[in-house]
Amino acid sequence: MMSIALRYTNHREQAAEWVNGAFVKVFMNLASFDVDRHLGTWMGSILRNVILDDLRKEARKFTQAEDLDRFASALTTKEDPTAYPELLALIDGELSDMSDVTRKVFVMYAIEGFNHREISERLAIAEGTSRWHFSEARRALRDLLTSNWMRHGL
């Protein structure tokens, strides 16, 4: 198992941590092991899942820290948002191109401060649907801003 873990990292300590985590999961789920399967294959798949979960968690931390740094630098510049009328027009156009529900969910969550439970009650949609609409709006705006980022010098 250590050789599998070392394929994902050059640090023996990190690999050992993953192997230990995998063994804990193996022992906790030993009752669910199918005796018709090969034990080594089952343990290897558990180890790979432990490794991938940890790598995803670390990637999220990195992305969030990067976003926070970018957001903090934007706050300290104190630029007038109306100084970019083309960009504001693009954002306004993107919002108007969204479906009615997606636009409402985005405005209620991002601007008015409602949580997804409140939005779902007010719009008579499922809470998960509210989250999906917000995610879609955020993705569309992020794509729009990313494509115009260099052109406007932001």
N, C-alpha and C. Protein backbone atom coordinates (compact mmCIF):
# COMPACT_ATOMS: atom_id res chain seq x y z
N MET A 1 0.83 -1.19 0.00
CA MET A 1 0.00 0.00 0.00
C MET A 1 0.87 1.25 0.00
N MET A 2 2.03 1.16 0.63
CA MET A 2 2.92 2.31 0.67
C MET A 2 3.41 2.65 -0.74
N SER A 3 3.67 1.63 -1.56
CA SER A 3 4.14 1.91 -2.92
C SER A 3 3.06 2.63 -3.74
N ILE A 4 1.80 2.29 -3.52
CA ILE A 4 0.71 2.98 -4.20
C ILE A 4 0.65 4.43 -3.75
N ALA A 5 0.75 4.66 -2.45
CA ALA A 5 0.69 6.02 -1.91
C ALA A 5 1.86 6.86 -2.41
N LEU A 6 3.03 6.25 -2.55
CA LEU A 6 4.20 7.00 -3.02
C LEU A 6 4.11 7.38 -4.49
N ARG A 7 3.17 6.80 -5.22
CA ARG A 7 2.95 7.21 -6.61
C ARG A 7 2.32 8.60 -6.67
N TYR A 8 1.63 8.99 -5.59
CA TYR A 8 0.92 10.25 -5.55
C TYR A 8 1.71 11.36 -4.87
N THR A 9 2.77 11.02 -4.13
CA THR A 9 3.57 12.02 -3.44
C THR A 9 5.01 11.52 -3.28
N ASN A 10 5.93 12.46 -3.13
CA ASN A 10 7.32 12.11 -2.89
C ASN A 10 7.65 12.17 -1.40
N HIS A 11 6.69 12.53 -0.58
CA HIS A 11 6.90 12.68 0.85
C HIS A 11 6.43 11.42 1.58
N ARG A 12 7.37 10.73 2.19
CA ARG A 12 7.04 9.47 2.88
C ARG A 12 6.06 9.71 4.03
N GLU A 13 6.16 10.85 4.71
CA GLU A 13 5.25 11.13 5.82
C GLU A 13 3.81 11.23 5.34
N GLN A 14 3.61 11.93 4.21
CA GLN A 14 2.27 12.06 3.65
C GLN A 14 1.74 10.70 3.20
N ALA A 15 2.60 9.91 2.56
CA ALA A 15 2.20 8.57 2.11
C ALA A 15 1.82 7.70 3.30
N ALA A 16 2.61 7.77 4.37
CA ALA A 16 2.31 6.98 5.57
C ALA A 16 0.98 7.41 6.19
N GLU A 17 0.71 8.70 6.17
CA GLU A 17 -0.56 9.20 6.70
C GLU A 17 -1.74 8.65 5.91
N TRP A 18 -1.60 8.62 4.59
CA TRP A 18 -2.66 8.07 3.74
C TRP A 18 -2.85 6.58 3.99
N VAL A 19 -1.75 5.84 4.13
CA VAL A 19 -1.84 4.40 4.38
C VAL A 19 -2.52 4.14 5.71
N ASN A 20 -2.14 4.91 6.73
CA ASN A 20 -2.78 4.74 8.04
C ASN A 20 -4.28 5.03 7.96
N GLY A 21 -4.64 6.09 7.26
CA GLY A 21 -6.06 6.41 7.09
C GLY A 21 -6.81 5.31 6.36
N ALA A 22 -6.15 4.72 5.37
CA ALA A 22 -6.78 3.63 4.63
C ALA A 22 -6.98 2.40 5.52
N PHE A 23 -5.96 2.07 6.34
CA PHE A 23 -6.10 0.94 7.24
C PHE A 23 -7.23 1.15 8.25
N VAL A 24 -7.38 2.37 8.72
CA VAL A 24 -8.49 2.66 9.64
C VAL A 24 -9.81 2.39 8.94
N LYS A 25 -9.95 2.85 7.69
CA LYS A 25 -11.19 2.61 6.95
C LYS A 25 -11.40 1.12 6.68
N VAL A 26 -10.30 0.40 6.38
CA VAL A 26 -10.41 -1.04 6.14
C VAL A 26 -10.94 -1.73 7.39
N PHE A 27 -10.35 -1.43 8.54
CA PHE A 27 -10.79 -2.09 9.77
C PHE A 27 -12.20 -1.70 10.16
N MET A 28 -12.58 -0.45 9.90
CA MET A 28 -13.93 -0.01 10.27
C MET A 28 -14.99 -0.63 9.34
N ASN A 29 -14.59 -0.97 8.11
CA ASN A 29 -15.55 -1.51 7.14
C ASN A 29 -15.29 -2.97 6.80
N LEU A 30 -14.56 -3.67 7.65
CA LEU A 30 -14.21 -5.06 7.38
C LEU A 30 -15.46 -5.94 7.25
N ALA A 31 -16.50 -5.61 7.96
CA ALA A 31 -17.73 -6.40 7.90
C ALA A 31 -18.39 -6.31 6.52
N SER A 32 -18.13 -5.22 5.78
CA SER A 32 -18.75 -5.06 4.47
C SER A 32 -17.91 -5.65 3.34
N PHE A 33 -16.78 -6.27 3.68
CA PHE A 33 -15.90 -6.86 2.66
C PHE A 33 -16.57 -8.08 2.05
N ASP A 34 -16.58 -8.12 0.73
CA ASP A 34 -17.13 -9.24 -0.02
C ASP A 34 -16.03 -10.29 -0.17
N VAL A 35 -16.22 -11.46 0.45
CA VAL A 35 -15.19 -12.49 0.46
C VAL A 35 -14.90 -13.07 -0.93
N ASP A 36 -15.75 -12.79 -1.89
CA ASP A 36 -15.51 -13.26 -3.26
C ASP A 36 -14.49 -12.38 -3.98
N ARG A 37 -14.22 -11.21 -3.42
CA ARG A 37 -13.24 -10.29 -4.01
C ARG A 37 -11.86 -10.54 -3.40
N HIS A 38 -10.85 -10.01 -4.04
CA HIS A 38 -9.48 -10.12 -3.54
C HIS A 38 -9.25 -9.01 -2.52
N LEU A 39 -8.73 -9.34 -1.36
CA LEU A 39 -8.54 -8.38 -0.28
C LEU A 39 -7.61 -7.24 -0.70
N GLY A 40 -6.54 -7.55 -1.41
CA GLY A 40 -5.59 -6.52 -1.83
C GLY A 40 -6.21 -5.49 -2.76
N THR A 41 -7.07 -5.93 -3.65
CA THR A 41 -7.74 -5.02 -4.57
C THR A 41 -8.67 -4.09 -3.81
N TRP A 42 -9.41 -4.65 -2.86
CA TRP A 42 -10.34 -3.87 -2.04
C TRP A 42 -9.58 -2.84 -1.22
N MET A 43 -8.49 -3.24 -0.60
CA MET A 43 -7.70 -2.32 0.21
C MET A 43 -7.07 -1.24 -0.67
N GLY A 44 -6.63 -1.60 -1.86
CA GLY A 44 -6.06 -0.62 -2.78
C GLY A 44 -7.07 0.43 -3.21
N SER A 45 -8.30 0.00 -3.44
CA SER A 45 -9.33 0.97 -3.84
C SER A 45 -9.67 1.90 -2.68
N ILE A 46 -9.66 1.38 -1.46
CA ILE A 46 -9.90 2.24 -0.30
C ILE A 46 -8.76 3.26 -0.17
N LEU A 47 -7.52 2.79 -0.35
CA LEU A 47 -6.37 3.70 -0.27
C LEU A 47 -6.47 4.79 -1.34
N ARG A 48 -6.79 4.42 -2.57
CA ARG A 48 -6.91 5.43 -3.62
C ARG A 48 -8.00 6.44 -3.29
N ASN A 49 -9.11 6.00 -2.72
CA ASN A 49 -10.18 6.93 -2.35
C ASN A 49 -9.72 7.87 -1.24
N VAL A 50 -8.97 7.35 -0.26
CA VAL A 50 -8.45 8.20 0.82
C VAL A 50 -7.51 9.26 0.22
N ILE A 51 -6.63 8.84 -0.68
CA ILE A 51 -5.68 9.77 -1.30
C ILE A 51 -6.42 10.83 -2.11
N LEU A 52 -7.36 10.41 -2.94
CA LEU A 52 -8.08 11.36 -3.78
C LEU A 52 -8.91 12.33 -2.95
N ASP A 53 -9.54 11.85 -1.89
CA ASP A 53 -10.29 12.74 -1.01
C ASP A 53 -9.38 13.80 -0.40
N ASP A 54 -8.20 13.38 0.06
CA ASP A 54 -7.26 14.32 0.66
C ASP A 54 -6.76 15.32 -0.37
N LEU A 55 -6.45 14.87 -1.58
CA LEU A 55 -5.98 15.77 -2.63
C LEU A 55 -7.06 16.78 -3.02
N ARG A 56 -8.30 16.33 -3.09
CA ARG A 56 -9.41 17.26 -3.39
C ARG A 56 -9.56 18.30 -2.30
N LYS A 57 -9.45 17.85 -1.05
CA LYS A 57 -9.57 18.77 0.08
C LYS A 57 -8.46 19.82 0.02
N GLU A 58 -7.25 19.41 -0.27
CA GLU A 58 -6.13 20.35 -0.37
C GLU A 58 -6.31 21.30 -1.55
N ALA A 59 -6.83 20.80 -2.66
CA ALA A 59 -7.05 21.66 -3.83
C ALA A 59 -8.10 22.72 -3.52
N ARG A 60 -9.15 22.36 -2.78
CA ARG A 60 -10.17 23.34 -2.40
C ARG A 60 -9.58 24.41 -1.50
N LYS A 61 -8.72 24.02 -0.56
CA LYS A 61 -8.08 25.00 0.32
C LYS A 61 -7.26 25.98 -0.49
N PHE A 62 -6.50 25.48 -1.46
CA PHE A 62 -5.65 26.33 -2.28
C PHE A 62 -6.50 27.30 -3.09
N THR A 63 -7.56 26.80 -3.70
CA THR A 63 -8.42 27.65 -4.51
C THR A 63 -9.09 28.71 -3.66
N GLN A 64 -9.57 28.33 -2.47
CA GLN A 64 -10.23 29.30 -1.60
C GLN A 64 -9.24 30.36 -1.13
N ALA A 65 -8.02 29.98 -0.79
CA ALA A 65 -7.02 30.94 -0.35
C ALA A 65 -6.67 31.90 -1.49
N GLU A 66 -6.58 31.37 -2.71
CA GLU A 66 -6.29 32.20 -3.87
C GLU A 66 -7.42 33.20 -4.11
N ASP A 67 -8.67 32.74 -4.00
CA ASP A 67 -9.82 33.62 -4.18
C ASP A 67 -9.86 34.70 -3.10
N LEU A 68 -9.54 34.33 -1.86
CA LEU A 68 -9.53 35.31 -0.78
C LEU A 68 -8.47 36.38 -1.01
N ASP A 69 -7.29 35.98 -1.48
CA ASP A 69 -6.24 36.95 -1.76
C ASP A 69 -6.67 37.92 -2.85
N ARG A 70 -7.28 37.39 -3.90
CA ARG A 70 -7.74 38.23 -5.00
C ARG A 70 -8.84 39.18 -4.53
N PHE A 71 -9.75 38.67 -3.70
CA PHE A 71 -10.85 39.48 -3.18
C PHE A 71 -10.31 40.58 -2.27
N ALA A 72 -9.35 40.23 -1.41
CA ALA A 72 -8.76 41.21 -0.49
C ALA A 72 -8.05 42.31 -1.26
N SER A 73 -7.33 41.95 -2.31
CA SER A 73 -6.64 42.99 -3.09
C SER A 73 -7.65 43.88 -3.82
N ALA A 74 -8.76 43.31 -4.26
CA ALA A 74 -9.79 44.12 -4.91
C ALA A 74 -10.42 45.09 -3.93
N LEU A 75 -10.59 44.68 -2.67
CA LEU A 75 -11.16 45.56 -1.68
C LEU A 75 -10.24 46.72 -1.33
N THR A 76 -8.94 46.47 -1.34
CA THR A 76 -8.00 47.52 -0.94
C THR A 76 -7.75 48.53 -2.04
N THR A 77 -8.10 48.22 -3.30
CA THR A 77 -7.86 49.17 -4.38
C THR A 77 -8.86 50.32 -4.35
N LYS A 78 -10.05 50.10 -3.82
CA LYS A 78 -11.09 51.14 -3.69
C LYS A 78 -11.42 51.83 -5.01
N GLU A 79 -11.48 51.05 -6.07
CA GLU A 79 -11.82 51.64 -7.35
C GLU A 79 -13.33 51.84 -7.45
N ASP A 80 -13.70 52.82 -8.20
CA ASP A 80 -15.10 53.13 -8.43
C ASP A 80 -15.64 52.13 -9.46
N PRO A 81 -16.64 51.31 -9.08
CA PRO A 81 -17.14 50.31 -10.02
C PRO A 81 -17.76 50.93 -11.27
N THR A 82 -18.22 52.17 -11.18
CA THR A 82 -18.80 52.81 -12.36
C THR A 82 -17.73 53.27 -13.34
N ALA A 83 -16.45 53.09 -12.99
CA ALA A 83 -15.36 53.46 -13.89
C ALA A 83 -15.26 52.47 -15.05
N TYR A 84 -15.98 51.38 -14.99
CA TYR A 84 -15.94 50.37 -16.04
C TYR A 84 -17.34 50.17 -16.62
N PRO A 85 -17.85 51.15 -17.34
CA PRO A 85 -19.23 51.03 -17.83
C PRO A 85 -19.42 49.85 -18.78
N GLU A 86 -18.40 49.52 -19.58
CA GLU A 86 -18.53 48.38 -20.50
C GLU A 86 -18.70 47.09 -19.72
N LEU A 87 -17.92 46.94 -18.65
CA LEU A 87 -17.98 45.73 -17.84
C LEU A 87 -19.33 45.63 -17.13
N LEU A 88 -19.80 46.75 -16.58
CA LEU A 88 -21.11 46.75 -15.94
C LEU A 88 -22.22 46.40 -16.93
N ALA A 89 -22.10 46.89 -18.15
CA ALA A 89 -23.09 46.56 -19.18
C ALA A 89 -23.06 45.08 -19.51
N LEU A 90 -21.84 44.50 -19.56
CA LEU A 90 -21.72 43.06 -19.82
C LEU A 90 -22.38 42.25 -18.71
N ILE A 91 -22.12 42.62 -17.47
CA ILE A 91 -22.70 41.90 -16.33
C ILE A 91 -24.21 42.03 -16.35
N ASP A 92 -24.70 43.24 -16.58
CA ASP A 92 -26.14 43.46 -16.64
C ASP A 92 -26.76 42.65 -17.77
N GLY A 93 -26.07 42.60 -18.91
CA GLY A 93 -26.56 41.80 -20.03
C GLY A 93 -26.58 40.32 -19.71
N GLU A 94 -25.54 39.86 -19.02
CA GLU A 94 -25.48 38.43 -18.64
C GLU A 94 -26.61 38.09 -17.67
N LEU A 95 -26.88 38.98 -16.73
CA LEU A 95 -27.97 38.74 -15.78
C LEU A 95 -29.31 38.70 -16.50
N SER A 96 -29.49 39.59 -17.47
CA SER A 96 -30.78 39.61 -18.17
C SER A 96 -30.93 38.40 -19.10
N ASP A 97 -29.81 37.78 -19.52
CA ASP A 97 -29.88 36.60 -20.37
C ASP A 97 -30.20 35.32 -19.58
N MET A 98 -30.06 35.38 -18.27
CA MET A 98 -30.33 34.20 -17.44
C MET A 98 -31.82 33.94 -17.36
N SER A 99 -32.16 32.70 -17.04
CA SER A 99 -33.57 32.40 -16.85
C SER A 99 -34.09 33.21 -15.66
N ASP A 100 -35.37 33.40 -15.63
CA ASP A 100 -35.99 34.21 -14.59
C ASP A 100 -35.68 33.68 -13.19
N VAL A 101 -35.78 32.37 -13.01
CA VAL A 101 -35.55 31.77 -11.70
C VAL A 101 -34.08 31.90 -11.30
N THR A 102 -33.18 31.64 -12.24
CA THR A 102 -31.75 31.73 -11.94
C THR A 102 -31.39 33.14 -11.53
N ARG A 103 -31.88 34.13 -12.25
CA ARG A 103 -31.61 35.53 -11.92
C ARG A 103 -32.18 35.88 -10.54
N LYS A 104 -33.42 35.44 -10.27
CA LYS A 104 -34.03 35.74 -8.97
C LYS A 104 -33.24 35.11 -7.83
N VAL A 105 -32.84 33.85 -7.99
CA VAL A 105 -32.07 33.17 -6.95
C VAL A 105 -30.75 33.89 -6.71
N PHE A 106 -30.08 34.27 -7.79
CA PHE A 106 -28.79 34.95 -7.65
C PHE A 106 -28.95 36.28 -6.91
N VAL A 107 -29.92 37.06 -7.30
CA VAL A 107 -30.13 38.36 -6.66
C VAL A 107 -30.54 38.18 -5.20
N MET A 108 -31.43 37.24 -4.93
CA MET A 108 -31.87 37.03 -3.55
C MET A 108 -30.73 36.56 -2.66
N TYR A 109 -29.88 35.69 -3.18
CA TYR A 109 -28.79 35.15 -2.35
C TYR A 109 -27.61 36.11 -2.27
N ALA A 110 -27.12 36.57 -3.41
CA ALA A 110 -25.88 37.36 -3.43
C ALA A 110 -26.09 38.81 -3.05
N ILE A 111 -27.23 39.37 -3.35
CA ILE A 111 -27.43 40.80 -3.11
C ILE A 111 -28.32 41.06 -1.91
N GLU A 112 -29.44 40.34 -1.84
CA GLU A 112 -30.38 40.59 -0.76
C GLU A 112 -30.06 39.82 0.52
N GLY A 113 -29.21 38.80 0.44
CA GLY A 113 -28.75 38.09 1.63
C GLY A 113 -29.64 36.98 2.15
N PHE A 114 -30.58 36.50 1.35
CA PHE A 114 -31.41 35.38 1.76
C PHE A 114 -30.57 34.11 1.74
N ASN A 115 -30.91 33.14 2.60
CA ASN A 115 -30.25 31.83 2.50
C ASN A 115 -31.10 30.94 1.59
N HIS A 116 -30.55 29.78 1.23
CA HIS A 116 -31.23 28.92 0.25
C HIS A 116 -32.55 28.37 0.77
N ARG A 117 -32.66 28.16 2.06
CA ARG A 117 -33.94 27.69 2.62
C ARG A 117 -35.02 28.75 2.43
N GLU A 118 -34.68 30.00 2.72
CA GLU A 118 -35.65 31.09 2.55
C GLU A 118 -36.01 31.28 1.09
N ILE A 119 -35.02 31.19 0.22
CA ILE A 119 -35.28 31.34 -1.21
C ILE A 119 -36.21 30.22 -1.69
N SER A 120 -35.93 28.99 -1.25
CA SER A 120 -36.76 27.87 -1.70
C SER A 120 -38.20 28.03 -1.24
N GLU A 121 -38.40 28.57 -0.04
CA GLU A 121 -39.77 28.80 0.45
C GLU A 121 -40.46 29.89 -0.35
N ARG A 122 -39.75 30.98 -0.63
CA ARG A 122 -40.36 32.11 -1.33
C ARG A 122 -40.66 31.80 -2.80
N LEU A 123 -39.79 31.01 -3.44
CA LEU A 123 -39.98 30.73 -4.86
C LEU A 123 -40.65 29.37 -5.10
N ALA A 124 -40.96 28.65 -4.03
CA ALA A 124 -41.61 27.34 -4.11
C ALA A 124 -40.79 26.37 -4.95
N ILE A 125 -39.50 26.30 -4.66
CA ILE A 125 -38.61 25.34 -5.31
C ILE A 125 -37.85 24.61 -4.21
N ALA A 126 -37.22 23.51 -4.57
CA ALA A 126 -36.44 22.75 -3.59
C ALA A 126 -35.17 23.54 -3.24
N GLU A 127 -34.67 23.31 -2.04
CA GLU A 127 -33.46 24.00 -1.59
C GLU A 127 -32.27 23.65 -2.49
N GLY A 128 -32.17 22.39 -2.89
CA GLY A 128 -31.10 21.98 -3.79
C GLY A 128 -31.21 22.67 -5.15
N THR A 129 -32.43 22.90 -5.60
CA THR A 129 -32.64 23.59 -6.86
C THR A 129 -32.18 25.04 -6.75
N SER A 130 -32.43 25.64 -5.60
CA SER A 130 -31.96 27.01 -5.36
C SER A 130 -30.44 27.06 -5.43
N ARG A 131 -29.79 26.10 -4.81
CA ARG A 131 -28.32 26.05 -4.84
C ARG A 131 -27.82 25.88 -6.28
N TRP A 132 -28.51 25.03 -7.05
CA TRP A 132 -28.10 24.80 -8.43
C TRP A 132 -28.22 26.08 -9.24
N HIS A 133 -29.34 26.79 -9.11
CA HIS A 133 -29.53 28.03 -9.86
C HIS A 133 -28.46 29.06 -9.48
N PHE A 134 -28.14 29.16 -8.19
CA PHE A 134 -27.09 30.10 -7.78
C PHE A 134 -25.74 29.70 -8.37
N SER A 135 -25.46 28.42 -8.36
CA SER A 135 -24.21 27.93 -8.92
C SER A 135 -24.12 28.22 -10.41
N GLU A 136 -25.20 28.04 -11.13
CA GLU A 136 -25.24 28.32 -12.57
C GLU A 136 -25.02 29.81 -12.85
N ALA A 137 -25.65 30.66 -12.06
CA ALA A 137 -25.48 32.11 -12.24
C ALA A 137 -24.04 32.51 -11.95
N ARG A 138 -23.50 31.98 -10.88
CA ARG A 138 -22.12 32.31 -10.50
C ARG A 138 -21.14 31.83 -11.56
N ARG A 139 -21.37 30.62 -12.10
CA ARG A 139 -20.51 30.10 -13.15
C ARG A 139 -20.56 30.98 -14.40
N ALA A 140 -21.76 31.40 -14.78
CA ALA A 140 -21.91 32.24 -15.98
C ALA A 140 -21.22 33.59 -15.78
N LEU A 141 -21.37 34.17 -14.60
CA LEU A 141 -20.72 35.46 -14.34
C LEU A 141 -19.20 35.30 -14.25
N ARG A 142 -18.75 34.21 -13.65
CA ARG A 142 -17.30 33.96 -13.56
C ARG A 142 -16.71 33.81 -14.96
N ASP A 143 -17.39 33.06 -15.83
CA ASP A 143 -16.91 32.88 -17.20
C ASP A 143 -16.88 34.22 -17.93
N LEU A 144 -17.91 35.03 -17.74
CA LEU A 144 -17.97 36.33 -18.38
C LEU A 144 -16.82 37.22 -17.89
N LEU A 145 -16.62 37.26 -16.58
CA LEU A 145 -15.56 38.11 -16.03
C LEU A 145 -14.18 37.60 -16.41
N THR A 146 -13.99 36.30 -16.43
CA THR A 146 -12.70 35.75 -16.81
C THR A 146 -12.38 36.08 -18.26
N SER A 147 -13.36 35.98 -19.13
CA SER A 147 -13.11 36.27 -20.55
C SER A 147 -12.85 37.75 -20.79
N ASN A 148 -13.32 38.62 -19.90
CA ASN A 148 -13.11 40.06 -20.06
C ASN A 148 -12.07 40.61 -19.11
N TRP A 149 -11.44 39.76 -18.32
CA TRP A 149 -10.49 40.17 -17.28
C TRP A 149 -9.33 40.96 -17.86
N MET A 150 -8.67 40.42 -18.86
CA MET A 150 -7.49 41.05 -19.42
C MET A 150 -7.84 42.31 -20.21
N ARG A 151 -8.95 42.29 -20.90
CA ARG A 151 -9.32 43.42 -21.74
C ARG A 151 -9.56 44.68 -20.92
N HIS A 152 -10.05 44.52 -19.68
CA HIS A 152 -10.36 45.68 -18.85
C HIS A 152 -9.27 45.97 -17.83
N GLY A 153 -8.21 45.16 -17.83
CA GLY A 153 -7.07 45.43 -16.95
C GLY A 153 -7.35 45.21 -15.49
N LEU A 154 -8.24 44.30 -15.16
CA LEU A 154 -8.56 44.05 -13.75
C LEU A 154 -7.63 43.01 -13.18
